[in-house]
Amino acid sequence: MMPSAWLFFGGIALLYFFVMVPIQYLYISGIKERARKSKLSQEQMYQNMSFEEEQLHYHMQGNIMNWPAAIVAHFLYRLRHRNTKA
């Protein structure tokens, strides 16, 4: 029964990963667009965030379960925007 439990939870983790990659990609592209439009440094932009925005950022980028999806989304973003200056 143990291998079927690993298969079940592995499938759940894989599904979570595939759902989170597009969400992370949209979040990263939104942050980059906001930084480009505001012309602030990354540090200034984060200092100007409201508490709610800080919490959203922490949960999107700081959650250990999101790290693999965030890394893949970051590389996809870099791949798609490699010819633009940001």
PDB file of N, CA and C in Angstrom:
ATOM      1  N   MET A   1       0.818  -1.194   0.000  1.00  0.00           N
ATOM      2  CA  MET A   1       0.000   0.000   0.000  1.00  0.00           C
ATOM      3  C   MET A   1       0.860   1.256   0.000  1.00  0.00           C
ATOM      4  N   MET A   2       2.069   1.172   0.488  1.00  0.00           N
ATOM      5  CA  MET A   2       2.931   2.333   0.557  1.00  0.00           C
ATOM      6  C   MET A   2       3.244   2.926  -0.817  1.00  0.00           C
ATOM      7  N   PRO A   3       3.594   2.121  -1.833  1.00  0.00           N
ATOM      8  CA  PRO A   3       3.871   2.732  -3.145  1.00  0.00           C
ATOM      9  C   PRO A   3       2.663   3.471  -3.730  1.00  0.00           C
ATOM     10  N   SER A   4       1.450   2.979  -3.478  1.00  0.00           N
ATOM     11  CA  SER A   4       0.286   3.678  -4.018  1.00  0.00           C
ATOM     12  C   SER A   4       0.079   5.020  -3.321  1.00  0.00           C
ATOM     13  N   ALA A   5       0.435   5.107  -2.047  1.00  0.00           N
ATOM     14  CA  ALA A   5       0.337   6.386  -1.339  1.00  0.00           C
ATOM     15  C   ALA A   5       1.348   7.380  -1.910  1.00  0.00           C
ATOM     16  N   TRP A   6       2.564   6.921  -2.164  1.00  0.00           N
ATOM     17  CA  TRP A   6       3.576   7.788  -2.773  1.00  0.00           C
ATOM     18  C   TRP A   6       3.132   8.248  -4.156  1.00  0.00           C
ATOM     19  N   LEU A   7       2.550   7.358  -4.915  1.00  0.00           N
ATOM     20  CA  LEU A   7       2.060   7.706  -6.245  1.00  0.00           C
ATOM     21  C   LEU A   7       0.940   8.737  -6.154  1.00  0.00           C
ATOM     22  N   PHE A   8       0.036   8.563  -5.206  1.00  0.00           N
ATOM     23  CA  PHE A   8      -1.071   9.500  -5.031  1.00  0.00           C
ATOM     24  C   PHE A   8      -0.556  10.888  -4.657  1.00  0.00           C
ATOM     25  N   PHE A   9       0.283  10.956  -3.621  1.00  0.00           N
ATOM     26  CA  PHE A   9       0.776  12.258  -3.168  1.00  0.00           C
ATOM     27  C   PHE A   9       1.745  12.879  -4.174  1.00  0.00           C
ATOM     28  N   GLY A  10       2.495  12.057  -4.881  1.00  0.00           N
ATOM     29  CA  GLY A  10       3.343  12.574  -5.955  1.00  0.00           C
ATOM     30  C   GLY A  10       2.515  13.167  -7.077  1.00  0.00           C
ATOM     31  N   GLY A  11       1.404  12.521  -7.395  1.00  0.00           N
ATOM     32  CA  GLY A  11       0.498  13.056  -8.419  1.00  0.00           C
ATOM     33  C   GLY A  11      -0.111  14.375  -7.996  1.00  0.00           C
ATOM     34  N   ILE A  12      -0.474  14.487  -6.717  1.00  0.00           N
ATOM     35  CA  ILE A  12      -1.012  15.748  -6.199  1.00  0.00           C
ATOM     36  C   ILE A  12       0.043  16.851  -6.292  1.00  0.00           C
ATOM     37  N   ALA A  13       1.276  16.534  -5.904  1.00  0.00           N
ATOM     38  CA  ALA A  13       2.364  17.516  -5.962  1.00  0.00           C
ATOM     39  C   ALA A  13       2.645  17.934  -7.401  1.00  0.00           C
ATOM     40  N   LEU A  14       2.606  17.006  -8.320  1.00  0.00           N
ATOM     41  CA  LEU A  14       2.834  17.321  -9.727  1.00  0.00           C
ATOM     42  C   LEU A  14       1.707  18.201 -10.284  1.00  0.00           C
ATOM     43  N   LEU A  15       0.493  17.901  -9.921  1.00  0.00           N
ATOM     44  CA  LEU A  15      -0.652  18.715 -10.336  1.00  0.00           C
ATOM     45  C   LEU A  15      -0.514  20.127  -9.783  1.00  0.00           C
ATOM     46  N   TYR A  16      -0.146  20.243  -8.509  1.00  0.00           N
ATOM     47  CA  TYR A  16       0.062  21.551  -7.887  1.00  0.00           C
ATOM     48  C   TYR A  16       1.140  22.331  -8.648  1.00  0.00           C
ATOM     49  N   PHE A  17       2.223  21.657  -8.996  1.00  0.00           N
ATOM     50  CA  PHE A  17       3.307  22.292  -9.742  1.00  0.00           C
ATOM     51  C   PHE A  17       2.805  22.836 -11.078  1.00  0.00           C
ATOM     52  N   PHE A  18       2.065  22.017 -11.831  1.00  0.00           N
ATOM     53  CA  PHE A  18       1.586  22.442 -13.148  1.00  0.00           C
ATOM     54  C   PHE A  18       0.550  23.553 -13.062  1.00  0.00           C
ATOM     55  N   VAL A  19      -0.184  23.621 -11.973  1.00  0.00           N
ATOM     56  CA  VAL A  19      -1.142  24.713 -11.784  1.00  0.00           C
ATOM     57  C   VAL A  19      -0.411  25.992 -11.381  1.00  0.00           C
ATOM     58  N   MET A  20       0.635  25.870 -10.578  1.00  0.00           N
ATOM     59  CA  MET A  20       1.322  27.052 -10.061  1.00  0.00           C
ATOM     60  C   MET A  20       2.270  27.714 -11.053  1.00  0.00           C
ATOM     61  N   VAL A  21       2.780  27.003 -12.036  1.00  0.00           N
ATOM     62  CA  VAL A  21       3.711  27.613 -12.991  1.00  0.00           C
ATOM     63  C   VAL A  21       3.061  28.794 -13.723  1.00  0.00           C
ATOM     64  N   PRO A  22       1.859  28.666 -14.314  1.00  0.00           N
ATOM     65  CA  PRO A  22       1.275  29.838 -14.981  1.00  0.00           C
ATOM     66  C   PRO A  22       0.919  30.967 -14.004  1.00  0.00           C
ATOM     67  N   ILE A  23       0.529  30.616 -12.789  1.00  0.00           N
ATOM     68  CA  ILE A  23       0.214  31.646 -11.796  1.00  0.00           C
ATOM     69  C   ILE A  23       1.476  32.413 -11.427  1.00  0.00           C
ATOM     70  N   GLN A  24       2.563  31.692 -11.206  1.00  0.00           N
ATOM     71  CA  GLN A  24       3.839  32.339 -10.897  1.00  0.00           C
ATOM     72  C   GLN A  24       4.323  33.188 -12.073  1.00  0.00           C
ATOM     73  N   TYR A  25       4.148  32.689 -13.288  1.00  0.00           N
ATOM     74  CA  TYR A  25       4.577  33.440 -14.471  1.00  0.00           C
ATOM     75  C   TYR A  25       3.821  34.765 -14.558  1.00  0.00           C
ATOM     76  N   LEU A  26       2.513  34.725 -14.364  1.00  0.00           N
ATOM     77  CA  LEU A  26       1.719  35.953 -14.409  1.00  0.00           C
ATOM     78  C   LEU A  26       2.126  36.909 -13.296  1.00  0.00           C
ATOM     79  N   TYR A  27       2.425  36.389 -12.123  1.00  0.00           N
ATOM     80  CA  TYR A  27       2.854  37.238 -11.018  1.00  0.00           C
ATOM     81  C   TYR A  27       4.199  37.886 -11.330  1.00  0.00           C
ATOM     82  N   ILE A  28       5.144  37.117 -11.815  1.00  0.00           N
ATOM     83  CA  ILE A  28       6.468  37.661 -12.144  1.00  0.00           C
ATOM     84  C   ILE A  28       6.368  38.713 -13.247  1.00  0.00           C
ATOM     85  N   SER A  29       5.600  38.427 -14.295  1.00  0.00           N
ATOM     86  CA  SER A  29       5.473  39.403 -15.380  1.00  0.00           C
ATOM     87  C   SER A  29       4.770  40.660 -14.891  1.00  0.00           C
ATOM     88  N   GLY A  30       3.800  40.533 -13.972  1.00  0.00           N
ATOM     89  CA  GLY A  30       3.127  41.702 -13.412  1.00  0.00           C
ATOM     90  C   GLY A  30       4.065  42.556 -12.582  1.00  0.00           C
ATOM     91  N   ILE A  31       4.907  41.905 -11.777  1.00  0.00           N
ATOM     92  CA  ILE A  31       5.878  42.646 -10.961  1.00  0.00           C
ATOM     93  C   ILE A  31       6.884  43.371 -11.858  1.00  0.00           C
ATOM     94  N   LYS A  32       7.360  42.681 -12.894  1.00  0.00           N
ATOM     95  CA  LYS A  32       8.333  43.301 -13.812  1.00  0.00           C
ATOM     96  C   LYS A  32       7.708  44.479 -14.558  1.00  0.00           C
ATOM     97  N   GLU A  33       6.458  44.334 -14.983  1.00  0.00           N
ATOM     98  CA  GLU A  33       5.764  45.415 -15.693  1.00  0.00           C
ATOM     99  C   GLU A  33       5.549  46.606 -14.762  1.00  0.00           C
ATOM    100  N   ARG A  34       5.187  46.320 -13.538  1.00  0.00           N
ATOM    101  CA  ARG A  34       4.965  47.393 -12.559  1.00  0.00           C
ATOM    102  C   ARG A  34       6.272  48.144 -12.292  1.00  0.00           C
ATOM    103  N   ALA A  35       7.366  47.412 -12.181  1.00  0.00           N
ATOM    104  CA  ALA A  35       8.669  48.047 -11.962  1.00  0.00           C
ATOM    105  C   ALA A  35       9.069  48.885 -13.173  1.00  0.00           C
ATOM    106  N   ARG A  36       8.782  48.383 -14.360  1.00  0.00           N
ATOM    107  CA  ARG A  36       9.130  49.125 -15.578  1.00  0.00           C
ATOM    108  C   ARG A  36       8.332  50.418 -15.675  1.00  0.00           C
ATOM    109  N   LYS A  37       7.042  50.353 -15.372  1.00  0.00           N
ATOM    110  CA  LYS A  37       6.185  51.544 -15.466  1.00  0.00           C
ATOM    111  C   LYS A  37       6.494  52.565 -14.381  1.00  0.00           C
ATOM    112  N   SER A  38       6.804  52.116 -13.176  1.00  0.00           N
ATOM    113  CA  SER A  38       7.036  53.043 -12.067  1.00  0.00           C
ATOM    114  C   SER A  38       8.451  53.615 -12.088  1.00  0.00           C
ATOM    115  N   LYS A  39       9.365  52.955 -12.793  1.00  0.00           N
ATOM    116  CA  LYS A  39      10.767  53.364 -12.893  1.00  0.00           C
ATOM    117  C   LYS A  39      11.437  53.470 -11.525  1.00  0.00           C
ATOM    118  N   LEU A  40      10.983  52.638 -10.587  1.00  0.00           N
ATOM    119  CA  LEU A  40      11.601  52.568  -9.274  1.00  0.00           C
ATOM    120  C   LEU A  40      12.534  51.368  -9.221  1.00  0.00           C
ATOM    121  N   SER A  41      13.487  51.431  -8.316  1.00  0.00           N
ATOM    122  CA  SER A  41      14.331  50.259  -8.113  1.00  0.00           C
ATOM    123  C   SER A  41      13.492  49.190  -7.426  1.00  0.00           C
ATOM    124  N   GLN A  42      13.980  47.968  -7.449  1.00  0.00           N
ATOM    125  CA  GLN A  42      13.252  46.878  -6.822  1.00  0.00           C
ATOM    126  C   GLN A  42      13.073  47.144  -5.323  1.00  0.00           C
ATOM    127  N   GLU A  43      14.106  47.639  -4.686  1.00  0.00           N
ATOM    128  CA  GLU A  43      14.031  47.923  -3.255  1.00  0.00           C
ATOM    129  C   GLU A  43      12.993  49.007  -2.962  1.00  0.00           C
ATOM    130  N   GLN A  44      12.987  50.082  -3.756  1.00  0.00           N
ATOM    131  CA  GLN A  44      12.006  51.150  -3.557  1.00  0.00           C
ATOM    132  C   GLN A  44      10.583  50.653  -3.798  1.00  0.00           C
ATOM    133  N   MET A  45      10.421  49.815  -4.803  1.00  0.00           N
ATOM    134  CA  MET A  45       9.100  49.294  -5.113  1.00  0.00           C
ATOM    135  C   MET A  45       8.564  48.462  -3.951  1.00  0.00           C
ATOM    136  N   TYR A  46       9.401  47.631  -3.366  1.00  0.00           N
ATOM    137  CA  TYR A  46       8.964  46.802  -2.245  1.00  0.00           C
ATOM    138  C   TYR A  46       8.745  47.630  -0.981  1.00  0.00           C
ATOM    139  N   GLN A  47       9.501  48.704  -0.808  1.00  0.00           N
ATOM    140  CA  GLN A  47       9.283  49.575   0.349  1.00  0.00           C
ATOM    141  C   GLN A  47       7.943  50.305   0.240  1.00  0.00           C
ATOM    142  N   ASN A  48       7.501  50.570  -0.986  1.00  0.00           N
ATOM    143  CA  ASN A  48       6.241  51.286  -1.200  1.00  0.00           C
ATOM    144  C   ASN A  48       5.024  50.368  -1.184  1.00  0.00           C
ATOM    145  N   MET A  49       5.225  49.068  -1.059  1.00  0.00           N
ATOM    146  CA  MET A  49       4.094  48.137  -1.052  1.00  0.00           C
ATOM    147  C   MET A  49       3.276  48.280   0.228  1.00  0.00           C
ATOM    148  N   SER A  50       1.983  48.088   0.086  1.00  0.00           N
ATOM    149  CA  SER A  50       1.121  48.042   1.268  1.00  0.00           C
ATOM    150  C   SER A  50       1.344  46.712   1.983  1.00  0.00           C
ATOM    151  N   PHE A  51       0.795  46.615   3.181  1.00  0.00           N
ATOM    152  CA  PHE A  51       0.929  45.382   3.949  1.00  0.00           C
ATOM    153  C   PHE A  51       0.347  44.199   3.182  1.00  0.00           C
ATOM    154  N   GLU A  52      -0.807  44.408   2.556  1.00  0.00           N
ATOM    155  CA  GLU A  52      -1.462  43.337   1.807  1.00  0.00           C
ATOM    156  C   GLU A  52      -0.607  42.871   0.640  1.00  0.00           C
ATOM    157  N   GLU A  53       0.010  43.821  -0.065  1.00  0.00           N
ATOM    158  CA  GLU A  53       0.884  43.464  -1.189  1.00  0.00           C
ATOM    159  C   GLU A  53       2.125  42.720  -0.706  1.00  0.00           C
ATOM    160  N   GLU A  54       2.664  43.142   0.433  1.00  0.00           N
ATOM    161  CA  GLU A  54       3.816  42.442   0.998  1.00  0.00           C
ATOM    162  C   GLU A  54       3.467  41.009   1.338  1.00  0.00           C
ATOM    163  N   GLN A  55       2.294  40.792   1.916  1.00  0.00           N
ATOM    164  CA  GLN A  55       1.869  39.451   2.270  1.00  0.00           C
ATOM    165  C   GLN A  55       1.662  38.590   1.023  1.00  0.00           C
ATOM    166  N   LEU A  56       1.050  39.164  -0.009  1.00  0.00           N
ATOM    167  CA  LEU A  56       0.871  38.441  -1.262  1.00  0.00           C
ATOM    168  C   LEU A  56       2.225  38.051  -1.849  1.00  0.00           C
ATOM    169  N   HIS A  57       3.145  38.996  -1.861  1.00  0.00           N
ATOM    170  CA  HIS A  57       4.470  38.706  -2.403  1.00  0.00           C
ATOM    171  C   HIS A  57       5.161  37.614  -1.593  1.00  0.00           C
ATOM    172  N   TYR A  58       5.061  37.699  -0.278  1.00  0.00           N
ATOM    173  CA  TYR A  58       5.688  36.683   0.564  1.00  0.00           C
ATOM    174  C   TYR A  58       5.104  35.305   0.267  1.00  0.00           C
ATOM    175  N   HIS A  59       3.792  35.228   0.138  1.00  0.00           N
ATOM    176  CA  HIS A  59       3.172  33.922  -0.079  1.00  0.00           C
ATOM    177  C   HIS A  59       3.396  33.407  -1.504  1.00  0.00           C
ATOM    178  N   MET A  60       3.528  34.302  -2.467  1.00  0.00           N
ATOM    179  CA  MET A  60       3.777  33.862  -3.838  1.00  0.00           C
ATOM    180  C   MET A  60       5.233  33.439  -4.032  1.00  0.00           C
ATOM    181  N   GLN A  61       6.149  34.179  -3.452  1.00  0.00           N
ATOM    182  CA  GLN A  61       7.561  33.917  -3.701  1.00  0.00           C
ATOM    183  C   GLN A  61       8.273  33.224  -2.544  1.00  0.00           C
ATOM    184  N   GLY A  62       7.752  33.310  -1.325  1.00  0.00           N
ATOM    185  CA  GLY A  62       8.455  32.788  -0.179  1.00  0.00           C
ATOM    186  C   GLY A  62       8.018  31.406   0.274  1.00  0.00           C
ATOM    187  N   ASN A  63       6.915  30.935  -0.219  1.00  0.00           N
ATOM    188  CA  ASN A  63       6.402  29.632   0.192  1.00  0.00           C
ATOM    189  C   ASN A  63       7.257  28.536  -0.441  1.00  0.00           C
ATOM    190  N   ILE A  64       7.781  27.650   0.385  1.00  0.00           N
ATOM    191  CA  ILE A  64       8.684  26.607  -0.115  1.00  0.00           C
ATOM    192  C   ILE A  64       8.001  25.696  -1.141  1.00  0.00           C
ATOM    193  N   MET A  65       6.688  25.529  -1.037  1.00  0.00           N
ATOM    194  CA  MET A  65       5.960  24.703  -2.007  1.00  0.00           C
ATOM    195  C   MET A  65       5.917  25.358  -3.391  1.00  0.00           C
ATOM    196  N   ASN A  66       6.090  26.683  -3.440  1.00  0.00           N
ATOM    197  CA  ASN A  66       6.032  27.396  -4.716  1.00  0.00           C
ATOM    198  C   ASN A  66       7.401  27.555  -5.372  1.00  0.00           C
ATOM    199  N   TRP A  67       8.470  27.240  -4.666  1.00  0.00           N
ATOM    200  CA  TRP A  67       9.802  27.463  -5.222  1.00  0.00           C
ATOM    201  C   TRP A  67      10.037  26.769  -6.555  1.00  0.00           C
ATOM    202  N   PRO A  68       9.721  25.495  -6.702  1.00  0.00           N
ATOM    203  CA  PRO A  68       9.979  24.877  -8.016  1.00  0.00           C
ATOM    204  C   PRO A  68       9.196  25.565  -9.139  1.00  0.00           C
ATOM    205  N   ALA A  69       7.944  25.880  -8.892  1.00  0.00           N
ATOM    206  CA  ALA A  69       7.138  26.552  -9.917  1.00  0.00           C
ATOM    207  C   ALA A  69       7.664  27.956 -10.174  1.00  0.00           C
ATOM    208  N   ALA A  70       8.109  28.649  -9.136  1.00  0.00           N
ATOM    209  CA  ALA A  70       8.648  30.002  -9.301  1.00  0.00           C
ATOM    210  C   ALA A  70       9.939  29.976 -10.116  1.00  0.00           C
ATOM    211  N   ILE A  71      10.773  28.979  -9.891  1.00  0.00           N
ATOM    212  CA  ILE A  71      12.026  28.868 -10.642  1.00  0.00           C
ATOM    213  C   ILE A  71      11.736  28.603 -12.118  1.00  0.00           C
ATOM    214  N   VAL A  72      10.832  27.676 -12.396  1.00  0.00           N
ATOM    215  CA  VAL A  72      10.475  27.369 -13.784  1.00  0.00           C
ATOM    216  C   VAL A  72       9.841  28.595 -14.439  1.00  0.00           C
ATOM    217  N   ALA A  73       8.938  29.275 -13.726  1.00  0.00           N
ATOM    218  CA  ALA A  73       8.284  30.458 -14.279  1.00  0.00           C
ATOM    219  C   ALA A  73       9.299  31.566 -14.544  1.00  0.00           C
ATOM    220  N   HIS A  74      10.283  31.712 -13.658  1.00  0.00           N
ATOM    221  CA  HIS A  74      11.326  32.716 -13.855  1.00  0.00           C
ATOM    222  C   HIS A  74      12.134  32.422 -15.128  1.00  0.00           C
ATOM    223  N   PHE A  75      12.504  31.164 -15.323  1.00  0.00           N
ATOM    224  CA  PHE A  75      13.259  30.814 -16.529  1.00  0.00           C
ATOM    225  C   PHE A  75      12.410  30.972 -17.789  1.00  0.00           C
ATOM    226  N   LEU A  76      11.128  30.653 -17.703  1.00  0.00           N
ATOM    227  CA  LEU A  76      10.239  30.866 -18.848  1.00  0.00           C
ATOM    228  C   LEU A  76      10.122  32.352 -19.168  1.00  0.00           C
ATOM    229  N   TYR A  77      10.009  33.172 -18.125  1.00  0.00           N
ATOM    230  CA  TYR A  77       9.935  34.621 -18.333  1.00  0.00           C
ATOM    231  C   TYR A  77      11.217  35.138 -18.974  1.00  0.00           C
ATOM    232  N   ARG A  78      12.359  34.692 -18.457  1.00  0.00           N
ATOM    233  CA  ARG A  78      13.643  35.129 -19.026  1.00  0.00           C
ATOM    234  C   ARG A  78      13.794  34.672 -20.471  1.00  0.00           C
ATOM    235  N   LEU A  79      13.325  33.462 -20.768  1.00  0.00           N
ATOM    236  CA  LEU A  79      13.414  32.927 -22.121  1.00  0.00           C
ATOM    237  C   LEU A  79      12.540  33.734 -23.083  1.00  0.00           C
ATOM    238  N   ARG A  80      11.337  34.064 -22.663  1.00  0.00           N
ATOM    239  CA  ARG A  80      10.411  34.796 -23.526  1.00  0.00           C
ATOM    240  C   ARG A  80      10.784  36.264 -23.666  1.00  0.00           C
ATOM    241  N   HIS A  81      11.495  36.837 -22.699  1.00  0.00           N
ATOM    242  CA  HIS A  81      11.829  38.263 -22.721  1.00  0.00           C
ATOM    243  C   HIS A  81      13.333  38.495 -22.792  1.00  0.00           C
ATOM    244  N   ARG A  82      14.052  37.592 -23.405  1.00  0.00           N
ATOM    245  CA  ARG A  82      15.518  37.726 -23.425  1.00  0.00           C
ATOM    246  C   ARG A  82      15.996  38.855 -24.315  1.00  0.00           C
ATOM    247  N   ASN A  83      15.183  39.312 -25.258  1.00  0.00           N
ATOM    248  CA  ASN A  83      15.610  40.386 -26.162  1.00  0.00           C
ATOM    249  C   ASN A  83      15.169  41.762 -25.706  1.00  0.00           C
ATOM    250  N   THR A  84      14.446  41.861 -24.598  1.00  0.00           N
ATOM    251  CA  THR A  84      13.975  43.152 -24.118  1.00  0.00           C
ATOM    252  C   THR A  84      14.780  43.560 -22.893  1.00  0.00           C
ATOM    253  N   LYS A  85      14.956  44.840 -22.754  1.00  0.00           N
ATOM    254  CA  LYS A  85      15.660  45.373 -21.567  1.00  0.00           C
ATOM    255  C   LYS A  85      14.628  45.633 -20.499  1.00  0.00           C
ATOM    256  N   ALA A  86      14.838  45.053 -19.297  1.00  0.00           N
ATOM    257  CA  ALA A  86      13.917  45.288 -18.181  1.00  0.00           C
ATOM    258  C   ALA A  86      14.666  45.505 -16.897  1.00  0.00           C
TER     259      ALA A  86
END
